[in-house]
C-alpha atoms as a PDB file:
ATOM      1  CA  MET A   1       0.097   0.435   0.177  1.00  0.00           C
ATOM      2  CA  ASN A   2       1.120   3.441  -0.917  1.00  0.00           C
ATOM      3  CA  SER A   3       0.973   6.113   0.883  1.00  0.00           C
ATOM      4  CA  TYR A   4      -1.168   9.217   0.267  1.00  0.00           C
ATOM      5  CA  LYS A   5       1.750  11.426  -1.085  1.00  0.00           C
ATOM      6  CA  ASP A   6       2.433   8.515  -3.265  1.00  0.00           C
ATOM      7  CA  ILE A   7      -1.391   7.834  -4.229  1.00  0.00           C
ATOM      8  CA  ALA A   8      -1.728  12.165  -4.880  1.00  0.00           C
ATOM      9  CA  TYR A   9       1.960  11.536  -7.101  1.00  0.00           C
ATOM     10  CA  THR A  10       0.086   9.165  -8.835  1.00  0.00           C
ATOM     11  CA  ILE A  11      -2.775  10.468  -9.914  1.00  0.00           C
ATOM     12  CA  LEU A  12      -1.591  14.426 -10.424  1.00  0.00           C
ATOM     13  CA  LYS A  13       1.004  12.761 -12.852  1.00  0.00           C
ATOM     14  CA  GLU A  14      -1.972  11.055 -14.643  1.00  0.00           C
ATOM     15  CA  ALA A  15      -3.871  13.767 -14.846  1.00  0.00           C
ATOM     16  CA  GLY A  16      -1.965  16.004 -15.581  1.00  0.00           C
ATOM     17  CA  LYS A  17      -3.496  19.161 -14.183  1.00  0.00           C
ATOM     18  CA  THR A  18      -4.310  20.892 -10.650  1.00  0.00           C
ATOM     19  CA  LEU A  19      -6.850  18.539  -8.529  1.00  0.00           C
ATOM     20  CA  HIS A  20      -8.745  19.387  -5.798  1.00  0.00           C
ATOM     21  CA  SER A  21      -7.710  17.221  -2.177  1.00  0.00           C
ATOM     22  CA  LYS A  22     -11.683  15.549  -2.189  1.00  0.00           C
ATOM     23  CA  GLU A  23     -11.104  15.144  -6.876  1.00  0.00           C
ATOM     24  CA  ILE A  24      -7.760  13.258  -5.940  1.00  0.00           C
ATOM     25  CA  THR A  25      -8.967  11.254  -2.628  1.00  0.00           C
ATOM     26  CA  GLU A  26     -11.926   9.914  -4.941  1.00  0.00           C
ATOM     27  CA  VAL A  27      -9.610   8.628  -7.890  1.00  0.00           C
ATOM     28  CA  ALA A  28      -7.447   6.863  -5.160  1.00  0.00           C
ATOM     29  CA  LYS A  29     -10.685   5.250  -4.140  1.00  0.00           C
ATOM     30  CA  ARG A  30     -12.342   4.567  -7.444  1.00  0.00           C
ATOM     31  CA  LYS A  31      -8.835   3.185  -8.127  1.00  0.00           C
ATOM     32  CA  ARG A  32      -8.313   1.184  -5.105  1.00  0.00           C
ATOM     33  CA  LEU A  33      -5.508   3.061  -4.285  1.00  0.00           C
ATOM     34  CA  LEU A  34      -6.176   4.197  -0.981  1.00  0.00           C
ATOM     35  CA  ASN A  35      -8.265   1.382   1.453  1.00  0.00           C
ATOM     36  CA  THR A  36      -9.098   3.799   4.469  1.00  0.00           C
ATOM     37  CA  ASN A  37     -10.971   3.325   7.026  1.00  0.00           C
ATOM     38  CA  GLY A  38     -11.256   7.140   8.459  1.00  0.00           C
ATOM     39  CA  LYS A  39     -14.804   8.944   7.866  1.00  0.00           C
ATOM     40  CA  THR A  40     -12.654  12.268   6.097  1.00  0.00           C
ATOM     41  CA  PRO A  41      -9.498  10.962   4.036  1.00  0.00           C
ATOM     42  CA  GLU A  42     -10.121  13.768   2.092  1.00  0.00           C
ATOM     43  CA  ALA A  43      -8.850  15.256   4.644  1.00  0.00           C
ATOM     44  CA  THR A  44      -6.346  13.391   5.128  1.00  0.00           C
ATOM     45  CA  MET A  45      -4.846  13.902   1.462  1.00  0.00           C
ATOM     46  CA  ASN A  46      -5.169  17.198   2.079  1.00  0.00           C
ATOM     47  CA  ALA A  47      -3.320  17.569   5.585  1.00  0.00           C
ATOM     48  CA  GLN A  48      -0.824  14.940   3.725  1.00  0.00           C
ATOM     49  CA  LEU A  49       0.203  17.620   0.925  1.00  0.00           C
ATOM     50  CA  VAL A  50      -0.088  20.502   2.999  1.00  0.00           C
ATOM     51  CA  VAL A  51       2.519  19.113   5.182  1.00  0.00           C
ATOM     52  CA  ASP A  52       4.504  17.990   2.746  1.00  0.00           C
ATOM     53  CA  ILE A  53       4.696  21.554   0.506  1.00  0.00           C
ATOM     54  CA  ASN A  54       5.518  23.538   3.849  1.00  0.00           C
ATOM     55  CA  SER A  55       8.213  20.667   4.814  1.00  0.00           C
ATOM     56  CA  LYS A  56      10.194  20.860   2.080  1.00  0.00           C
ATOM     57  CA  LYS A  57       9.928  23.707   0.303  1.00  0.00           C
ATOM     58  CA  GLU A  58      10.957  23.781  -3.453  1.00  0.00           C
ATOM     59  CA  LYS A  59      12.210  20.171  -2.743  1.00  0.00           C
ATOM     60  CA  SER A  60       8.732  18.594  -2.193  1.00  0.00           C
ATOM     61  CA  ARG A  61       6.566  17.113  -5.215  1.00  0.00           C
ATOM     62  CA  PHE A  62       3.535  19.320  -4.771  1.00  0.00           C
ATOM     63  CA  VAL A  63       2.924  22.690  -5.086  1.00  0.00           C
ATOM     64  CA  LYS A  64      -0.180  24.768  -3.577  1.00  0.00           C
ATOM     65  CA  ILE A  65      -2.412  26.326  -6.275  1.00  0.00           C
ATOM     66  CA  GLY A  66      -5.012  27.442  -4.352  1.00  0.00           C
ATOM     67  CA  PRO A  67      -7.619  26.397  -1.222  1.00  0.00           C
ATOM     68  CA  SER A  68      -7.232  22.368  -1.091  1.00  0.00           C
ATOM     69  CA  ILE A  69      -6.008  22.543  -5.197  1.00  0.00           C
ATOM     70  CA  PHE A  70      -2.781  21.099  -5.738  1.00  0.00           C
ATOM     71  CA  GLY A  71      -0.496  20.297  -8.526  1.00  0.00           C
ATOM     72  CA  LEU A  72       2.797  19.082  -9.577  1.00  0.00           C
ATOM     73  CA  ASN A  73       6.083  20.712  -8.696  1.00  0.00           C
ATOM     74  CA  LYS A  74       7.579  21.694 -11.888  1.00  0.00           C
ATOM     75  CA  ASN A  75      10.976  21.933 -10.502  1.00  0.00           C
ATOM     76  CA  PHE A  76      10.963  18.802  -8.934  1.00  0.00           C
ATOM     77  CA  LYS A  77      13.566  15.911 -10.085  1.00  0.00           C
ATOM     78  CA  GLU A  78      12.551  12.491  -9.197  1.00  0.00           C
ATOM     79  CA  PRO A  79      16.141  11.339  -7.484  1.00  0.00           C
ATOM     80  CA  LYS A  80      17.813   8.786 -10.150  1.00  0.00           C
ATOM     81  CA  ILE A  81      18.563   5.199  -8.000  1.00  0.00           C
ATOM     82  CA  VAL A  82      22.418   4.942  -9.031  1.00  0.00           C
ATOM     83  CA  ILE A  83      23.734   0.968  -7.604  1.00  0.00           C
ATOM     84  CA  LYS A  84      27.263   0.898  -7.391  1.00  0.00           C
ATOM     85  CA  PRO A  85      29.110  -2.417  -7.147  1.00  0.00           C
ATOM     86  CA  ALA A  86      29.988  -1.955  -3.681  1.00  0.00           C
ATOM     87  CA  ASN A  87      32.386  -4.704  -3.622  1.00  0.00           C
ATOM     88  CA  ASN A  88      33.969  -4.304  -7.009  1.00  0.00           C
ATOM     89  CA  GLY A  89      32.502  -6.705  -9.083  1.00  0.00           C
ATOM     90  CA  LYS A  90      32.304  -9.560  -6.500  1.00  0.00           C
ATOM     91  CA  ILE A  91      29.842 -12.238  -5.666  1.00  0.00           C
ATOM     92  CA  ILE A  92      27.881 -11.138  -2.980  1.00  0.00           C
ATOM     93  CA  SER A  93      26.081 -12.932   0.002  1.00  0.00           C
ATOM     94  CA  GLU A  94      22.874 -13.054   0.874  1.00  0.00           C
ATOM     95  CA  ASP A  95      23.673 -12.251   4.243  1.00  0.00           C
ATOM     96  CA  PHE A  96      24.911  -9.187   3.223  1.00  0.00           C
ATOM     97  CA  VAL A  97      21.755  -8.305   1.080  1.00  0.00           C
ATOM     98  CA  LYS A  98      19.985  -8.991   3.805  1.00  0.00           C
ATOM     99  CA  ASN A  99      21.598  -6.556   5.972  1.00  0.00           C
ATOM    100  CA  SER A 100      21.911  -4.096   3.670  1.00  0.00           C
ATOM    101  CA  ILE A 101      17.883  -3.775   3.195  1.00  0.00           C
ATOM    102  CA  ILE A 102      17.003  -4.299   6.823  1.00  0.00           C
ATOM    103  CA  LYS A 103      19.351  -1.606   7.090  1.00  0.00           C
ATOM    104  CA  TRP A 104      17.454   1.127   4.869  1.00  0.00           C
ATOM    105  CA  LEU A 105      14.460   0.241   5.551  1.00  0.00           C
ATOM    106  CA  SER A 106      14.980   0.789   9.410  1.00  0.00           C
ATOM    107  CA  ALA A 107      16.311   4.287   8.027  1.00  0.00           C
ATOM    108  CA  ASN A 108      13.108   4.718   6.359  1.00  0.00           C
ATOM    109  CA  GLY A 109      10.754   4.403   9.012  1.00  0.00           C
ATOM    110  CA  TRP A 110      10.403   0.718   9.063  1.00  0.00           C
ATOM    111  CA  GLY A 111      10.709  -1.919  12.167  1.00  0.00           C
ATOM    112  CA  HIS A 112       9.224  -4.778  13.647  1.00  0.00           C
ATOM    113  CA  PHE A 113      11.088  -7.411  11.473  1.00  0.00           C
ATOM    114  CA  GLN A 114       9.690 -10.697  10.464  1.00  0.00           C
ATOM    115  CA  PHE A 115      12.111 -12.898   9.278  1.00  0.00           C
ATOM    116  CA  GLY A 116      11.823 -16.490   7.631  1.00  0.00           C
ATOM    117  CA  ASP A 117       8.627 -18.878   7.865  1.00  0.00           C
ATOM    118  CA  LEU A 118       5.669 -15.987   7.243  1.00  0.00           C
ATOM    119  CA  HIS A 119       3.262 -18.585   5.817  1.00  0.00           C
ATOM    120  CA  GLN A 120       3.215 -16.232   2.375  1.00  0.00           C
ATOM    121  CA  GLN A 121       5.063 -17.875   0.011  1.00  0.00           C
ATOM    122  CA  GLY A 122       7.921 -16.286  -0.807  1.00  0.00           C
ATOM    123  CA  VAL A 123       8.391 -13.654   1.794  1.00  0.00           C
ATOM    124  CA  ASP A 124      12.012 -13.860   3.477  1.00  0.00           C
ATOM    125  CA  ILE A 125      11.420 -10.179   5.474  1.00  0.00           C
ATOM    126  CA  ARG A 126       8.688  -8.565   6.669  1.00  0.00           C
ATOM    127  CA  ALA A 127       8.398  -5.183   8.002  1.00  0.00           C
ATOM    128  CA  LYS A 128       5.887  -3.081   9.726  1.00  0.00           C
ATOM    129  CA  HIS A 129       5.706   0.572   9.537  1.00  0.00           C
ATOM    130  CA  HIS A 130       6.642   2.883  12.752  1.00  0.00           C
ATOM    131  CA  GLN A 131       3.806   5.477  11.663  1.00  0.00           C
ATOM    132  CA  TYR A 132       1.577   3.845   9.523  1.00  0.00           C
ATOM    133  CA  SER A 133      -0.378   0.360   9.264  1.00  0.00           C
ATOM    134  CA  ARG A 134       1.375  -0.686   6.409  1.00  0.00           C
ATOM    135  CA  TYR A 135       4.229  -3.744   5.986  1.00  0.00           C
ATOM    136  CA  PHE A 136       6.541  -3.863   3.498  1.00  0.00           C
ATOM    137  CA  LEU A 137       7.602  -7.532   2.551  1.00  0.00           C
ATOM    138  CA  VAL A 138      10.960  -8.427   0.757  1.00  0.00           C
ATOM    139  CA  GLY A 139      11.052 -12.281  -1.091  1.00  0.00           C
END
């Protein structure tokens, strides 16, 4: 499951225009991108986008055009993911990969790790987000 901000980014990118937070939420629910039992998901969507803009300023993916109306920041550049061999092209062990993933997840708000026999085919690591009721599964 994605965050409200990730969902909004996807919807705004697909729409190619600014949208009200209520419209973003309606599209998200219609496309089943947002699964919530909350009574006011449009208020949560609005709050998440406002906080992102206020905290990240020009580095936010979003811009606020008017009251509860958002668009994509034209100056935002998606970070490029560059994978460099950490060991000069040598074969890396499964433990190295597992520990690297756990280190990254821990640094990005994930914890409560479970390993091995998780009753989900192919899942080796399960992590729960500290702030949200979301799980990250690694197979």
